[in-house]
């Protein structure tokens, strides 16, 4: 993973001191358990880094355009996300996930964590996505249709004749 280091040594030990940040981050894709989300543009982080004693606090907004595959119809689609970030960076060897090392912080891990939390495990191109036809596999959003192929469970196949016999009997009774 690449890094985007920001020197915060002037902010350490100076509570209230601030530095603005506007960065395009080198994050190209996120590999999730079930899929890969592709960044269509470099994620952009805009905000402020503030000195908080022996730590610094990042308050920013992360914007990204992510390409994903719909979990129902399998079409690819793009989504723009805007994620607020509020992270605390502390000096090593603290147990915090975002350390300050040699007076510098890396913005990439916080951005990747925020993006991973924002990307749904089963993304949908639209909340009303109809998905794929379970019989023929056609995209029901593009061409709605009804496949007439009826599948009968082998365990119930003996009842098929019974249904037809009952329908014939009903017709005979109604016609007499």
C-alpha atoms as a PDB file:
ATOM      1  CA  UNK A   1       0.000   0.000   0.000  1.00  0.00           C
ATOM      2  CA  UNK A   2       1.296   3.456  -0.813  1.00  0.00           C
ATOM      3  CA  UNK A   3       1.513   6.167   1.807  1.00  0.00           C
ATOM      4  CA  UNK A   4       0.725   9.863   1.962  1.00  0.00           C
ATOM      5  CA  UNK A   5       2.854  11.311   4.744  1.00  0.00           C
ATOM      6  CA  UNK A   6       2.123  14.686   6.332  1.00  0.00           C
ATOM      7  CA  UNK A   7       4.633  16.389   8.633  1.00  0.00           C
ATOM      8  CA  UNK A   8       2.859  17.273  11.893  1.00  0.00           C
ATOM      9  CA  UNK A   9       5.928  17.941  14.068  1.00  0.00           C
ATOM     10  CA  UNK A  10       5.043  21.653  14.350  1.00  0.00           C
ATOM     11  CA  UNK A  11       1.565  20.731  15.690  1.00  0.00           C
ATOM     12  CA  UNK A  12       2.766  18.343  18.404  1.00  0.00           C
ATOM     13  CA  UNK A  13       2.793  19.920  21.853  1.00  0.00           C
ATOM     14  CA  UNK A  14       0.898  22.968  20.531  1.00  0.00           C
ATOM     15  CA  UNK A  15      -2.781  22.523  21.415  1.00  0.00           C
ATOM     16  CA  UNK A  16      -5.023  24.501  19.084  1.00  0.00           C
ATOM     17  CA  UNK A  17      -2.447  24.817  16.299  1.00  0.00           C
ATOM     18  CA  UNK A  18      -3.859  23.867  12.902  1.00  0.00           C
ATOM     19  CA  UNK A  19      -2.787  22.905   9.444  1.00  0.00           C
ATOM     20  CA  UNK A  20      -5.063  22.516   6.437  1.00  0.00           C
ATOM     21  CA  UNK A  21      -4.838  19.444   4.251  1.00  0.00           C
ATOM     22  CA  UNK A  22      -6.049  18.937   0.673  1.00  0.00           C
ATOM     23  CA  UNK A  23      -4.769  15.675  -0.767  1.00  0.00           C
ATOM     24  CA  UNK A  24      -5.457  13.306  -3.645  1.00  0.00           C
ATOM     25  CA  UNK A  25      -4.678   9.833  -2.352  1.00  0.00           C
ATOM     26  CA  UNK A  26      -3.193   6.927  -4.296  1.00  0.00           C
ATOM     27  CA  UNK A  27      -5.902   4.359  -3.583  1.00  0.00           C
ATOM     28  CA  UNK A  28      -6.909   2.500  -6.745  1.00  0.00           C
ATOM     29  CA  UNK A  29      -9.004  -0.397  -5.490  1.00  0.00           C
ATOM     30  CA  UNK A  30     -10.408  -1.936  -2.345  1.00  0.00           C
ATOM     31  CA  UNK A  31     -10.400  -5.705  -2.136  1.00  0.00           C
ATOM     32  CA  UNK A  32     -13.359  -6.851  -0.092  1.00  0.00           C
ATOM     33  CA  UNK A  33     -14.286 -10.372   0.920  1.00  0.00           C
ATOM     34  CA  UNK A  34     -16.858 -10.776  -1.878  1.00  0.00           C
ATOM     35  CA  UNK A  35     -15.774  -8.259  -4.502  1.00  0.00           C
ATOM     36  CA  UNK A  36     -13.339  -5.563  -5.570  1.00  0.00           C
ATOM     37  CA  UNK A  37     -14.349  -1.896  -5.610  1.00  0.00           C
ATOM     38  CA  UNK A  38     -12.433   0.163  -8.180  1.00  0.00           C
ATOM     39  CA  UNK A  39     -11.693   3.860  -7.641  1.00  0.00           C
ATOM     40  CA  UNK A  40     -12.645   5.729 -10.830  1.00  0.00           C
ATOM     41  CA  UNK A  41     -10.756   8.800  -9.600  1.00  0.00           C
ATOM     42  CA  UNK A  42      -8.224   9.376  -6.842  1.00  0.00           C
ATOM     43  CA  UNK A  43     -10.011   9.801  -3.496  1.00  0.00           C
ATOM     44  CA  UNK A  44      -9.687  13.378  -2.241  1.00  0.00           C
ATOM     45  CA  UNK A  45      -9.283  14.301   1.411  1.00  0.00           C
ATOM     46  CA  UNK A  46      -9.926  17.910   2.468  1.00  0.00           C
ATOM     47  CA  UNK A  47      -9.825  19.066   6.074  1.00  0.00           C
ATOM     48  CA  UNK A  48      -7.795  20.228   9.056  1.00  0.00           C
ATOM     49  CA  UNK A  49      -5.156  18.635  11.261  1.00  0.00           C
ATOM     50  CA  UNK A  50      -5.131  20.084  14.794  1.00  0.00           C
ATOM     51  CA  UNK A  51      -2.575  19.762  17.570  1.00  0.00           C
ATOM     52  CA  UNK A  52      -4.039  18.067  20.670  1.00  0.00           C
ATOM     53  CA  UNK A  53      -1.185  17.912  23.179  1.00  0.00           C
ATOM     54  CA  UNK A  54       1.052  14.959  22.273  1.00  0.00           C
ATOM     55  CA  UNK A  55      -1.392  13.876  19.531  1.00  0.00           C
ATOM     56  CA  UNK A  56      -3.007  15.337  16.417  1.00  0.00           C
ATOM     57  CA  UNK A  57      -6.596  15.132  15.257  1.00  0.00           C
ATOM     58  CA  UNK A  58      -7.645  14.847  11.626  1.00  0.00           C
ATOM     59  CA  UNK A  59     -11.076  16.268  10.781  1.00  0.00           C
ATOM     60  CA  UNK A  60     -11.788  15.986   7.113  1.00  0.00           C
ATOM     61  CA  UNK A  61     -14.126  14.873   4.353  1.00  0.00           C
ATOM     62  CA  UNK A  62     -13.138  12.119   1.968  1.00  0.00           C
ATOM     63  CA  UNK A  63     -14.755  12.020  -1.471  1.00  0.00           C
ATOM     64  CA  UNK A  64     -14.412   9.157  -3.909  1.00  0.00           C
ATOM     65  CA  UNK A  65     -16.106   7.681  -6.968  1.00  0.00           C
ATOM     66  CA  UNK A  66     -16.305   3.910  -6.654  1.00  0.00           C
ATOM     67  CA  UNK A  67     -17.160   1.389  -9.360  1.00  0.00           C
ATOM     68  CA  UNK A  68     -18.837  -1.775  -8.101  1.00  0.00           C
ATOM     69  CA  UNK A  69     -20.857  -4.706  -9.377  1.00  0.00           C
ATOM     70  CA  UNK A  70     -24.544  -4.940  -8.442  1.00  0.00           C
ATOM     71  CA  UNK A  71     -25.319  -7.884  -6.196  1.00  0.00           C
ATOM     72  CA  UNK A  72     -28.585  -8.612  -8.039  1.00  0.00           C
ATOM     73  CA  UNK A  73     -28.166  -7.902 -11.777  1.00  0.00           C
ATOM     74  CA  UNK A  74     -24.332  -8.066 -11.929  1.00  0.00           C
ATOM     75  CA  UNK A  75     -24.083  -4.779 -13.894  1.00  0.00           C
ATOM     76  CA  UNK A  76     -21.276  -2.390 -12.961  1.00  0.00           C
ATOM     77  CA  UNK A  77     -22.207   1.047 -11.669  1.00  0.00           C
ATOM     78  CA  UNK A  78     -20.497   4.084 -10.160  1.00  0.00           C
ATOM     79  CA  UNK A  79     -21.285   5.677  -6.811  1.00  0.00           C
ATOM     80  CA  UNK A  80     -19.920   8.915  -5.374  1.00  0.00           C
ATOM     81  CA  UNK A  81     -19.320   8.781  -1.631  1.00  0.00           C
ATOM     82  CA  UNK A  82     -18.678  11.601   0.842  1.00  0.00           C
ATOM     83  CA  UNK A  83     -17.298  10.336   4.138  1.00  0.00           C
ATOM     84  CA  UNK A  84     -16.603  12.454   7.227  1.00  0.00           C
ATOM     85  CA  UNK A  85     -13.364  11.574   9.030  1.00  0.00           C
ATOM     86  CA  UNK A  86     -12.498  12.342  12.643  1.00  0.00           C
ATOM     87  CA  UNK A  87      -9.356  10.436  13.618  1.00  0.00           C
ATOM     88  CA  UNK A  88      -6.793  10.785  16.393  1.00  0.00           C
ATOM     89  CA  UNK A  89      -3.119  10.076  15.661  1.00  0.00           C
ATOM     90  CA  UNK A  90      -0.864   9.378  18.649  1.00  0.00           C
ATOM     91  CA  UNK A  91       2.852   8.746  19.116  1.00  0.00           C
ATOM     92  CA  UNK A  92       4.105   5.165  19.033  1.00  0.00           C
ATOM     93  CA  UNK A  93       3.985   2.702  20.866  1.00  0.00           C
ATOM     94  CA  UNK A  94       0.340   3.561  21.584  1.00  0.00           C
ATOM     95  CA  UNK A  95      -2.275   0.938  20.690  1.00  0.00           C
ATOM     96  CA  UNK A  96      -4.088   3.377  18.411  1.00  0.00           C
ATOM     97  CA  UNK A  97      -4.439   2.299  14.790  1.00  0.00           C
ATOM     98  CA  UNK A  98      -3.087   5.607  13.469  1.00  0.00           C
ATOM     99  CA  UNK A  99       0.380   6.357  14.846  1.00  0.00           C
ATOM    100  CA  UNK A 100       2.652   9.373  14.575  1.00  0.00           C
ATOM    101  CA  UNK A 101       6.057   8.168  13.399  1.00  0.00           C
ATOM    102  CA  UNK A 102       9.039  10.530  13.266  1.00  0.00           C
ATOM    103  CA  UNK A 103       6.734  13.567  13.399  1.00  0.00           C
ATOM    104  CA  UNK A 104       4.664  12.389  10.409  1.00  0.00           C
ATOM    105  CA  UNK A 105       1.238  10.824   9.910  1.00  0.00           C
ATOM    106  CA  UNK A 106       0.055   8.646   7.029  1.00  0.00           C
ATOM    107  CA  UNK A 107      -3.395   9.573   5.677  1.00  0.00           C
ATOM    108  CA  UNK A 108      -3.863   6.387   3.593  1.00  0.00           C
ATOM    109  CA  UNK A 109      -4.779   3.911   6.402  1.00  0.00           C
ATOM    110  CA  UNK A 110      -7.528   6.198   7.762  1.00  0.00           C
ATOM    111  CA  UNK A 111      -8.884   6.781   4.251  1.00  0.00           C
ATOM    112  CA  UNK A 112      -8.872   3.074   3.385  1.00  0.00           C
ATOM    113  CA  UNK A 113     -10.594   2.198   6.675  1.00  0.00           C
ATOM    114  CA  UNK A 114     -13.315   4.805   6.027  1.00  0.00           C
ATOM    115  CA  UNK A 115     -13.827   3.589   2.451  1.00  0.00           C
ATOM    116  CA  UNK A 116     -14.051  -0.043   3.562  1.00  0.00           C
ATOM    117  CA  UNK A 117     -16.710   0.879   6.097  1.00  0.00           C
ATOM    118  CA  UNK A 118     -18.676   2.814   3.468  1.00  0.00           C
ATOM    119  CA  UNK A 119     -18.690   0.204   0.680  1.00  0.00           C
ATOM    120  CA  UNK A 120     -21.649  -2.179   1.142  1.00  0.00           C
ATOM    121  CA  UNK A 121     -21.012  -5.927   1.146  1.00  0.00           C
ATOM    122  CA  UNK A 122     -23.849  -6.431  -1.357  1.00  0.00           C
ATOM    123  CA  UNK A 123     -24.037  -3.244  -3.426  1.00  0.00           C
ATOM    124  CA  UNK A 124     -27.157  -2.479  -5.459  1.00  0.00           C
ATOM    125  CA  UNK A 125     -27.267  -0.376  -8.618  1.00  0.00           C
ATOM    126  CA  UNK A 126     -30.763   0.739  -7.539  1.00  0.00           C
ATOM    127  CA  UNK A 127     -32.926  -0.141  -4.546  1.00  0.00           C
ATOM    128  CA  UNK A 128     -35.571  -1.353  -7.026  1.00  0.00           C
ATOM    129  CA  UNK A 129     -33.172  -3.544  -9.026  1.00  0.00           C
ATOM    130  CA  UNK A 130     -35.104  -6.565 -10.322  1.00  0.00           C
ATOM    131  CA  UNK A 131     -32.012  -8.738 -10.666  1.00  0.00           C
ATOM    132  CA  UNK A 132     -31.638 -11.705 -13.005  1.00  0.00           C
ATOM    133  CA  UNK A 133     -34.325 -14.140 -14.173  1.00  0.00           C
ATOM    134  CA  UNK A 134     -33.811 -17.341 -12.153  1.00  0.00           C
ATOM    135  CA  UNK A 135     -34.769 -19.454 -15.177  1.00  0.00           C
ATOM    136  CA  UNK A 136     -32.971 -17.890 -18.168  1.00  0.00           C
ATOM    137  CA  UNK A 137     -30.534 -15.455 -16.477  1.00  0.00           C
ATOM    138  CA  UNK A 138     -31.600 -12.315 -18.397  1.00  0.00           C
ATOM    139  CA  UNK A 139     -31.340  -8.941 -16.687  1.00  0.00           C
ATOM    140  CA  UNK A 140     -34.919  -8.150 -15.633  1.00  0.00           C
ATOM    141  CA  UNK A 141     -34.145  -4.414 -15.512  1.00  0.00           C
ATOM    142  CA  UNK A 142     -33.469  -4.392 -19.266  1.00  0.00           C
ATOM    143  CA  UNK A 143     -36.167  -6.731 -20.516  1.00  0.00           C
ATOM    144  CA  UNK A 144     -38.912  -7.778 -18.105  1.00  0.00           C
ATOM    145  CA  UNK A 145     -40.423 -11.096 -19.118  1.00  0.00           C
ATOM    146  CA  UNK A 146     -41.952 -14.206 -17.678  1.00  0.00           C
ATOM    147  CA  UNK A 147     -40.344 -17.532 -18.273  1.00  0.00           C
ATOM    148  CA  UNK A 148     -42.972 -20.277 -18.263  1.00  0.00           C
ATOM    149  CA  UNK A 149     -40.598 -23.091 -17.447  1.00  0.00           C
ATOM    150  CA  UNK A 150     -42.128 -24.779 -14.428  1.00  0.00           C
ATOM    151  CA  UNK A 151     -39.905 -26.985 -12.359  1.00  0.00           C
ATOM    152  CA  UNK A 152     -41.442 -29.671 -10.213  1.00  0.00           C
ATOM    153  CA  UNK A 153     -39.674 -31.203  -7.280  1.00  0.00           C
ATOM    154  CA  UNK A 154     -39.210 -34.932  -7.959  1.00  0.00           C
ATOM    155  CA  UNK A 155     -40.651 -35.723  -4.548  1.00  0.00           C
ATOM    156  CA  UNK A 156     -43.925 -34.016  -5.543  1.00  0.00           C
ATOM    157  CA  UNK A 157     -44.178 -35.348  -9.121  1.00  0.00           C
ATOM    158  CA  UNK A 158     -46.741 -37.972  -8.064  1.00  0.00           C
ATOM    159  CA  UNK A 159     -49.174 -35.205  -7.110  1.00  0.00           C
ATOM    160  CA  UNK A 160     -49.194 -33.736 -10.645  1.00  0.00           C
ATOM    161  CA  UNK A 161     -51.743 -36.297 -11.841  1.00  0.00           C
ATOM    162  CA  UNK A 162     -53.884 -35.724  -8.743  1.00  0.00           C
ATOM    163  CA  UNK A 163     -54.135 -32.003  -9.452  1.00  0.00           C
ATOM    164  CA  UNK A 164     -55.216 -32.630 -13.055  1.00  0.00           C
ATOM    165  CA  UNK A 165     -57.794 -35.214 -11.942  1.00  0.00           C
ATOM    166  CA  UNK A 166     -59.298 -32.812  -9.396  1.00  0.00           C
ATOM    167  CA  UNK A 167     -59.544 -30.036 -12.012  1.00  0.00           C
ATOM    168  CA  UNK A 168     -61.346 -32.383 -14.463  1.00  0.00           C
ATOM    169  CA  UNK A 169     -63.756 -33.492 -11.738  1.00  0.00           C
ATOM    170  CA  UNK A 170     -64.510 -29.861 -10.839  1.00  0.00           C
ATOM    171  CA  UNK A 171     -65.244 -29.068 -14.510  1.00  0.00           C
ATOM    172  CA  UNK A 172     -67.625 -32.066 -14.793  1.00  0.00           C
ATOM    173  CA  UNK A 173     -69.539 -31.045 -11.669  1.00  0.00           C
ATOM    174  CA  UNK A 174     -69.853 -27.416 -12.804  1.00  0.00           C
ATOM    175  CA  UNK A 175     -71.099 -28.397 -16.287  1.00  0.00           C
ATOM    176  CA  UNK A 176     -73.826 -30.778 -14.966  1.00  0.00           C
END
